[in-house]
PDB file of N, CA and C in Angstrom:
ATOM      1  N   MET A   1       0.820  -1.195   0.000  1.00  0.00           N
ATOM      2  CA  MET A   1       0.000   0.000   0.000  1.00  0.00           C
ATOM      3  C   MET A   1       0.864   1.259   0.000  1.00  0.00           C
ATOM      4  N   ASN A   2       1.953   1.199   0.758  1.00  0.00           N
ATOM      5  CA  ASN A   2       2.842   2.338   0.851  1.00  0.00           C
ATOM      6  C   ASN A   2       3.457   2.647  -0.514  1.00  0.00           C
ATOM      7  N   GLU A   3       3.848   1.611  -1.264  1.00  0.00           N
ATOM      8  CA  GLU A   3       4.425   1.814  -2.595  1.00  0.00           C
ATOM      9  C   GLU A   3       3.409   2.440  -3.545  1.00  0.00           C
ATOM     10  N   VAL A   4       2.166   2.017  -3.434  1.00  0.00           N
ATOM     11  CA  VAL A   4       1.116   2.586  -4.285  1.00  0.00           C
ATOM     12  C   VAL A   4       0.921   4.070  -3.953  1.00  0.00           C
ATOM     13  N   THR A   5       0.936   4.395  -2.672  1.00  0.00           N
ATOM     14  CA  THR A   5       0.778   5.784  -2.248  1.00  0.00           C
ATOM     15  C   THR A   5       1.945   6.635  -2.751  1.00  0.00           C
ATOM     16  N   GLN A   6       3.158   6.095  -2.631  1.00  0.00           N
ATOM     17  CA  GLN A   6       4.331   6.829  -3.112  1.00  0.00           C
ATOM     18  C   GLN A   6       4.270   7.032  -4.619  1.00  0.00           C
ATOM     19  N   GLU A   7       3.867   5.973  -5.337  1.00  0.00           N
ATOM     20  CA  GLU A   7       3.752   6.087  -6.799  1.00  0.00           C
ATOM     21  C   GLU A   7       2.705   7.134  -7.166  1.00  0.00           C
ATOM     22  N   ARG A   8       1.583   7.107  -6.460  1.00  0.00           N
ATOM     23  CA  ARG A   8       0.532   8.084  -6.709  1.00  0.00           C
ATOM     24  C   ARG A   8       1.036   9.495  -6.424  1.00  0.00           C
ATOM     25  N   SER A   9       1.842   9.664  -5.370  1.00  0.00           N
ATOM     26  CA  SER A   9       2.422  10.975  -5.049  1.00  0.00           C
ATOM     27  C   SER A   9       3.357  11.440  -6.148  1.00  0.00           C
ATOM     28  N   ARG A  10       4.170  10.523  -6.685  1.00  0.00           N
ATOM     29  CA  ARG A  10       5.090  10.891  -7.771  1.00  0.00           C
ATOM     30  C   ARG A  10       4.315  11.298  -9.018  1.00  0.00           C
ATOM     31  N   ILE A  11       3.261  10.562  -9.318  1.00  0.00           N
ATOM     32  CA  ILE A  11       2.433  10.903 -10.485  1.00  0.00           C
ATOM     33  C   ILE A  11       1.804  12.272 -10.289  1.00  0.00           C
ATOM     34  N   HIS A  12       1.260  12.514  -9.081  1.00  0.00           N
ATOM     35  CA  HIS A  12       0.639  13.805  -8.794  1.00  0.00           C
ATOM     36  C   HIS A  12       1.673  14.926  -8.917  1.00  0.00           C
ATOM     37  N   ALA A  13       2.871  14.677  -8.366  1.00  0.00           N
ATOM     38  CA  ALA A  13       3.923  15.691  -8.430  1.00  0.00           C
ATOM     39  C   ALA A  13       4.294  15.992  -9.875  1.00  0.00           C
ATOM     40  N   SER A  14       4.390  14.980 -10.723  1.00  0.00           N
ATOM     41  CA  SER A  14       4.749  15.227 -12.125  1.00  0.00           C
ATOM     42  C   SER A  14       3.626  15.950 -12.853  1.00  0.00           C
ATOM     43  N   ILE A  15       2.382  15.665 -12.493  1.00  0.00           N
ATOM     44  CA  ILE A  15       1.251  16.367 -13.110  1.00  0.00           C
ATOM     45  C   ILE A  15       1.278  17.848 -12.712  1.00  0.00           C
ATOM     46  N   VAL A  16       1.616  18.129 -11.462  1.00  0.00           N
ATOM     47  CA  VAL A  16       1.681  19.514 -10.987  1.00  0.00           C
ATOM     48  C   VAL A  16       2.882  20.230 -11.589  1.00  0.00           C
ATOM     49  N   LYS A  17       4.030  19.532 -11.678  1.00  0.00           N
ATOM     50  CA  LYS A  17       5.244  20.150 -12.197  1.00  0.00           C
ATOM     51  C   LYS A  17       5.111  20.524 -13.670  1.00  0.00           C
ATOM     52  N   SER A  18       4.385  19.735 -14.424  1.00  0.00           N
ATOM     53  CA  SER A  18       4.266  19.996 -15.860  1.00  0.00           C
ATOM     54  C   SER A  18       3.658  21.365 -16.156  1.00  0.00           C
ATOM     55  N   PRO A  19       2.486  21.716 -15.579  1.00  0.00           N
ATOM     56  CA  PRO A  19       1.951  23.061 -15.838  1.00  0.00           C
ATOM     57  C   PRO A  19       2.848  24.173 -15.294  1.00  0.00           C
ATOM     58  N   LEU A  20       3.539  23.903 -14.162  1.00  0.00           N
ATOM     59  CA  LEU A  20       4.427  24.929 -13.611  1.00  0.00           C
ATOM     60  C   LEU A  20       5.592  25.186 -14.557  1.00  0.00           C
ATOM     61  N   ALA A  21       6.133  24.111 -15.144  1.00  0.00           N
ATOM     62  CA  ALA A  21       7.221  24.276 -16.105  1.00  0.00           C
ATOM     63  C   ALA A  21       6.725  25.045 -17.328  1.00  0.00           C
ATOM     64  N   THR A  22       5.511  24.724 -17.779  1.00  0.00           N
ATOM     65  CA  THR A  22       4.929  25.422 -18.923  1.00  0.00           C
ATOM     66  C   THR A  22       4.720  26.896 -18.590  1.00  0.00           C
ATOM     67  N   HIS A  23       4.229  27.158 -17.381  1.00  0.00           N
ATOM     68  CA  HIS A  23       4.013  28.539 -16.952  1.00  0.00           C
ATOM     69  C   HIS A  23       5.342  29.292 -16.921  1.00  0.00           C
ATOM     70  N   HIS A  24       6.377  28.651 -16.376  1.00  0.00           N
ATOM     71  CA  HIS A  24       7.705  29.276 -16.300  1.00  0.00           C
ATOM     72  C   HIS A  24       8.231  29.567 -17.705  1.00  0.00           C
ATOM     73  N   PHE A  25       8.066  28.598 -18.597  1.00  0.00           N
ATOM     74  CA  PHE A  25       8.510  28.779 -19.985  1.00  0.00           C
ATOM     75  C   PHE A  25       7.746  29.924 -20.646  1.00  0.00           C
ATOM     76  N   ALA A  26       6.427  29.963 -20.435  1.00  0.00           N
ATOM     77  CA  ALA A  26       5.604  31.035 -21.010  1.00  0.00           C
ATOM     78  C   ALA A  26       6.017  32.385 -20.438  1.00  0.00           C
ATOM     79  N   ASN A  27       6.340  32.420 -19.156  1.00  0.00           N
ATOM     80  CA  ASN A  27       6.777  33.659 -18.517  1.00  0.00           C
ATOM     81  C   ASN A  27       8.090  34.138 -19.135  1.00  0.00           C
ATOM     82  N   ASP A  28       9.028  33.204 -19.357  1.00  0.00           N
ATOM     83  CA  ASP A  28      10.291  33.556 -20.000  1.00  0.00           C
ATOM     84  C   ASP A  28      10.054  34.089 -21.413  1.00  0.00           C
ATOM     85  N   MET A  29       9.158  33.438 -22.143  1.00  0.00           N
ATOM     86  CA  MET A  29       8.862  33.878 -23.509  1.00  0.00           C
ATOM     87  C   MET A  29       8.233  35.269 -23.493  1.00  0.00           C
ATOM     88  N   ASN A  30       7.373  35.521 -22.506  1.00  0.00           N
ATOM     89  CA  ASN A  30       6.743  36.832 -22.374  1.00  0.00           C
ATOM     90  C   ASN A  30       7.801  37.902 -22.122  1.00  0.00           C
ATOM     91  N   GLU A  31       8.775  37.597 -21.255  1.00  0.00           N
ATOM     92  CA  GLU A  31       9.847  38.554 -20.990  1.00  0.00           C
ATOM     93  C   GLU A  31      10.654  38.819 -22.257  1.00  0.00           C
ATOM     94  N   LEU A  32      10.924  37.765 -23.028  1.00  0.00           N
ATOM     95  CA  LEU A  32      11.668  37.948 -24.276  1.00  0.00           C
ATOM     96  C   LEU A  32      10.879  38.811 -25.255  1.00  0.00           C
ATOM     97  N   THR A  33       9.570  38.581 -25.325  1.00  0.00           N
ATOM     98  CA  THR A  33       8.716  39.366 -26.213  1.00  0.00           C
ATOM     99  C   THR A  33       8.729  40.828 -25.792  1.00  0.00           C
ATOM    100  N   GLN A  34       8.635  41.067 -24.472  1.00  0.00           N
ATOM    101  CA  GLN A  34       8.662  42.448 -23.978  1.00  0.00           C
ATOM    102  C   GLN A  34       9.998  43.100 -24.298  1.00  0.00           C
ATOM    103  N   GLU A  35      11.098  42.352 -24.116  1.00  0.00           N
ATOM    104  CA  GLU A  35      12.422  42.908 -24.410  1.00  0.00           C
ATOM    105  C   GLU A  35      12.535  43.242 -25.894  1.00  0.00           C
ATOM    106  N   ARG A  36      12.024  42.342 -26.746  1.00  0.00           N
ATOM    107  CA  ARG A  36      12.059  42.595 -28.189  1.00  0.00           C
ATOM    108  C   ARG A  36      11.239  43.832 -28.525  1.00  0.00           C
ATOM    109  N   SER A  37      10.123  44.004 -27.831  1.00  0.00           N
ATOM    110  CA  SER A  37       9.274  45.178 -28.039  1.00  0.00           C
ATOM    111  C   SER A  37      10.006  46.453 -27.655  1.00  0.00           C
ATOM    112  N   HIS A  38      10.694  46.417 -26.498  1.00  0.00           N
ATOM    113  CA  HIS A  38      11.455  47.594 -26.061  1.00  0.00           C
ATOM    114  C   HIS A  38      12.543  47.933 -27.072  1.00  0.00           C
ATOM    115  N   MET A  39      13.219  46.908 -27.594  1.00  0.00           N
ATOM    116  CA  MET A  39      14.269  47.145 -28.577  1.00  0.00           C
ATOM    117  C   MET A  39      13.681  47.758 -29.839  1.00  0.00           C
ATOM    118  N   HIS A  40      12.521  47.243 -30.266  1.00  0.00           N
ATOM    119  CA  HIS A  40      11.870  47.768 -31.473  1.00  0.00           C
ATOM    120  C   HIS A  40      11.497  49.232 -31.278  1.00  0.00           C
ATOM    121  N   VAL A  41      10.936  49.535 -30.102  1.00  0.00           N
ATOM    122  CA  VAL A  41      10.539  50.917 -29.812  1.00  0.00           C
ATOM    123  C   VAL A  41      11.751  51.831 -29.838  1.00  0.00           C
ATOM    124  N   SER A  42      12.875  51.397 -29.241  1.00  0.00           N
ATOM    125  CA  SER A  42      14.054  52.271 -29.239  1.00  0.00           C
ATOM    126  C   SER A  42      14.614  52.439 -30.643  1.00  0.00           C
ATOM    127  N   ILE A  43      14.516  51.389 -31.465  1.00  0.00           N
ATOM    128  CA  ILE A  43      14.980  51.499 -32.853  1.00  0.00           C
ATOM    129  C   ILE A  43      14.101  52.478 -33.626  1.00  0.00           C
ATOM    130  N   VAL A  44      12.798  52.423 -33.379  1.00  0.00           N
ATOM    131  CA  VAL A  44      11.865  53.326 -34.067  1.00  0.00           C
ATOM    132  C   VAL A  44      12.027  54.750 -33.554  1.00  0.00           C
ATOM    133  N   LYS A  45      12.221  54.904 -32.224  1.00  0.00           N
ATOM    134  CA  LYS A  45      12.346  56.239 -31.648  1.00  0.00           C
ATOM    135  C   LYS A  45      13.595  56.958 -32.150  1.00  0.00           C
ATOM    136  N   SER A  46      14.669  56.225 -32.366  1.00  0.00           N
ATOM    137  CA  SER A  46      15.926  56.838 -32.773  1.00  0.00           C
ATOM    138  C   SER A  46      15.783  57.657 -34.059  1.00  0.00           C
ATOM    139  N   PRO A  47      15.227  57.101 -35.151  1.00  0.00           N
ATOM    140  CA  PRO A  47      15.047  57.926 -36.352  1.00  0.00           C
ATOM    141  C   PRO A  47      14.066  59.078 -36.135  1.00  0.00           C
ATOM    142  N   LEU A  48      13.064  58.860 -35.277  1.00  0.00           N
ATOM    143  CA  LEU A  48      12.100  59.929 -35.021  1.00  0.00           C
ATOM    144  C   LEU A  48      12.776  61.106 -34.337  1.00  0.00           C
ATOM    145  N   VAL A  49      13.708  60.821 -33.428  1.00  0.00           N
ATOM    146  CA  VAL A  49      14.452  61.898 -32.766  1.00  0.00           C
ATOM    147  C   VAL A  49      15.277  62.641 -33.808  1.00  0.00           C
ATOM    148  N   GLY A  50      15.951  61.879 -34.689  1.00  0.00           N
ATOM    149  CA  GLY A  50      16.724  62.497 -35.764  1.00  0.00           C
ATOM    150  C   GLY A  50      15.849  63.348 -36.654  1.00  0.00           C
ATOM    151  N   HIS A  51      14.651  62.837 -36.960  1.00  0.00           N
ATOM    152  CA  HIS A  51      13.707  63.577 -37.798  1.00  0.00           C
ATOM    153  C   HIS A  51      13.282  64.871 -37.102  1.00  0.00           C
ATOM    154  N   HIS A  52      13.038  64.769 -35.785  1.00  0.00           N
ATOM    155  CA  HIS A  52      12.616  65.943 -35.017  1.00  0.00           C
ATOM    156  C   HIS A  52      13.719  67.007 -35.028  1.00  0.00           C
ATOM    157  N   ILE A  53      14.960  66.577 -34.834  1.00  0.00           N
ATOM    158  CA  ILE A  53      16.085  67.531 -34.856  1.00  0.00           C
ATOM    159  C   ILE A  53      16.197  68.165 -36.239  1.00  0.00           C
ATOM    160  N   ALA A  54      16.088  67.334 -37.291  1.00  0.00           N
ATOM    161  CA  ALA A  54      16.174  67.854 -38.659  1.00  0.00           C
ATOM    162  C   ALA A  54      15.047  68.842 -38.925  1.00  0.00           C
ATOM    163  N   SER A  55      13.864  68.537 -38.419  1.00  0.00           N
ATOM    164  CA  SER A  55      12.719  69.435 -38.601  1.00  0.00           C
ATOM    165  C   SER A  55      12.979  70.774 -37.917  1.00  0.00           C
ATOM    166  N   ASN A  56      13.523  70.713 -36.694  1.00  0.00           N
ATOM    167  CA  ASN A  56      13.846  71.956 -35.975  1.00  0.00           C
ATOM    168  C   ASN A  56      14.914  72.750 -36.719  1.00  0.00           C
ATOM    169  N   MET A  57      15.922  72.046 -37.237  1.00  0.00           N
ATOM    170  CA  MET A  57      16.980  72.730 -37.988  1.00  0.00           C
ATOM    171  C   MET A  57      16.404  73.359 -39.250  1.00  0.00           C
ATOM    172  N   ASN A  58      15.473  72.667 -39.893  1.00  0.00           N
ATOM    173  CA  ASN A  58      14.833  73.191 -41.093  1.00  0.00           C
ATOM    174  C   ASN A  58      14.058  74.468 -40.767  1.00  0.00           C
ATOM    175  N   GLU A  59      13.338  74.459 -39.641  1.00  0.00           N
ATOM    176  CA  GLU A  59      12.604  75.661 -39.227  1.00  0.00           C
ATOM    177  C   GLU A  59      13.568  76.821 -38.961  1.00  0.00           C
ATOM    178  N   LEU A  60      14.711  76.518 -38.326  1.00  0.00           N
ATOM    179  CA  LEU A  60      15.695  77.576 -38.057  1.00  0.00           C
ATOM    180  C   LEU A  60      16.263  78.133 -39.361  1.00  0.00           C
ATOM    181  N   THR A  61      16.520  77.245 -40.309  1.00  0.00           N
ATOM    182  CA  THR A  61      17.040  77.689 -41.609  1.00  0.00           C
ATOM    183  C   THR A  61      16.021  78.572 -42.320  1.00  0.00           C
ATOM    184  N   GLN A  62      14.756  78.174 -42.263  1.00  0.00           N
ATOM    185  CA  GLN A  62      13.705  78.978 -42.895  1.00  0.00           C
ATOM    186  C   GLN A  62      13.597  80.339 -42.218  1.00  0.00           C
ATOM    187  N   GLU A  63      13.692  80.361 -40.887  1.00  0.00           N
ATOM    188  CA  GLU A  63      13.623  81.626 -40.153  1.00  0.00           C
ATOM    189  C   GLU A  63      14.803  82.519 -40.533  1.00  0.00           C
ATOM    190  N   ARG A  64      15.985  81.916 -40.633  1.00  0.00           N
ATOM    191  CA  ARG A  64      17.169  82.697 -41.030  1.00  0.00           C
ATOM    192  C   ARG A  64      16.987  83.268 -42.432  1.00  0.00           C
ATOM    193  N   SER A  65      16.396  82.474 -43.330  1.00  0.00           N
ATOM    194  CA  SER A  65      16.144  82.958 -44.697  1.00  0.00           C
ATOM    195  C   SER A  65      15.168  84.127 -44.694  1.00  0.00           C
ATOM    196  N   ARG A  66      14.119  84.030 -43.855  1.00  0.00           N
ATOM    197  CA  ARG A  66      13.147  85.130 -43.775  1.00  0.00           C
ATOM    198  C   ARG A  66      13.810  86.410 -43.247  1.00  0.00           C
ATOM    199  N   ILE A  67      14.656  86.246 -42.232  1.00  0.00           N
ATOM    200  CA  ILE A  67      15.360  87.417 -41.679  1.00  0.00           C
ATOM    201  C   ILE A  67      16.263  88.019 -42.753  1.00  0.00           C
ATOM    202  N   HIS A  68      16.990  87.158 -43.449  1.00  0.00           N
ATOM    203  CA  HIS A  68      17.886  87.633 -44.509  1.00  0.00           C
ATOM    204  C   HIS A  68      17.088  88.383 -45.588  1.00  0.00           C
ATOM    205  N   ALA A  69      15.953  87.795 -45.999  1.00  0.00           N
ATOM    206  CA  ALA A  69      15.111  88.429 -47.027  1.00  0.00           C
ATOM    207  C   ALA A  69      14.604  89.783 -46.524  1.00  0.00           C
ATOM    208  N   SER A  70      14.252  89.831 -45.242  1.00  0.00           N
ATOM    209  CA  SER A  70      13.765  91.090 -44.675  1.00  0.00           C
ATOM    210  C   SER A  70      14.865  92.145 -44.675  1.00  0.00           C
ATOM    211  N   ILE A  71      16.085  91.753 -44.357  1.00  0.00           N
ATOM    212  CA  ILE A  71      17.211  92.682 -44.348  1.00  0.00           C
ATOM    213  C   ILE A  71      17.483  93.189 -45.780  1.00  0.00           C
ATOM    214  N   VAL A  72      17.454  92.286 -46.740  1.00  0.00           N
ATOM    215  CA  VAL A  72      17.698  92.667 -48.145  1.00  0.00           C
ATOM    216  C   VAL A  72      16.614  93.615 -48.623  1.00  0.00           C
ATOM    217  N   LYS A  73      15.336  93.290 -48.320  1.00  0.00           N
ATOM    218  CA  LYS A  73      14.240  94.159 -48.731  1.00  0.00           C
ATOM    219  C   LYS A  73      14.411  95.542 -48.132  1.00  0.00           C
ATOM    220  N   SER A  74      14.756  95.575 -46.847  1.00  0.00           N
ATOM    221  CA  SER A  74      14.922  96.852 -46.153  1.00  0.00           C
ATOM    222  C   SER A  74      16.049  97.662 -46.795  1.00  0.00           C
ATOM    223  N   ALA A  75      17.146  96.992 -47.122  1.00  0.00           N
ATOM    224  CA  ALA A  75      18.286  97.688 -47.744  1.00  0.00           C
ATOM    225  C   ALA A  75      17.916  98.191 -49.125  1.00  0.00           C
ATOM    226  N   LEU A  76      17.147  97.429 -49.873  1.00  0.00           N
ATOM    227  CA  LEU A  76      16.739  97.825 -51.219  1.00  0.00           C
ATOM    228  C   LEU A  76      15.733  98.976 -51.164  1.00  0.00           C
ATOM    229  N   ALA A  77      14.920  99.006 -50.119  1.00  0.00           N
ATOM    230  CA  ALA A  77      13.908 100.056 -49.989  1.00  0.00           C
ATOM    231  C   ALA A  77      14.570 101.394 -49.684  1.00  0.00           C
ATOM    232  N   ASN A  78      15.714 101.361 -49.036  1.00  0.00           N
ATOM    233  CA  ASN A  78      16.401 102.631 -48.698  1.00  0.00           C
ATOM    234  C   ASN A  78      17.154 103.068 -49.854  1.00  0.00           C
TER     235      ASN A  78
END
């Protein structure tokens, strides 16, 4: 009887361990997915930051051109 009880305990333990191992594996995969997502976001953000800087530089260049045009117009008017 004792051997049957021990065998039943081992079977129960293996049944319990199987879903726990699956859960642990799924948790690891979830962490990897999240890490991949973070990497993707940083890769996407990097060009956007560059684009934002370029856009700001473009606005500054346009403003400088307007100032220059205003100075030229003023000089020509005199």
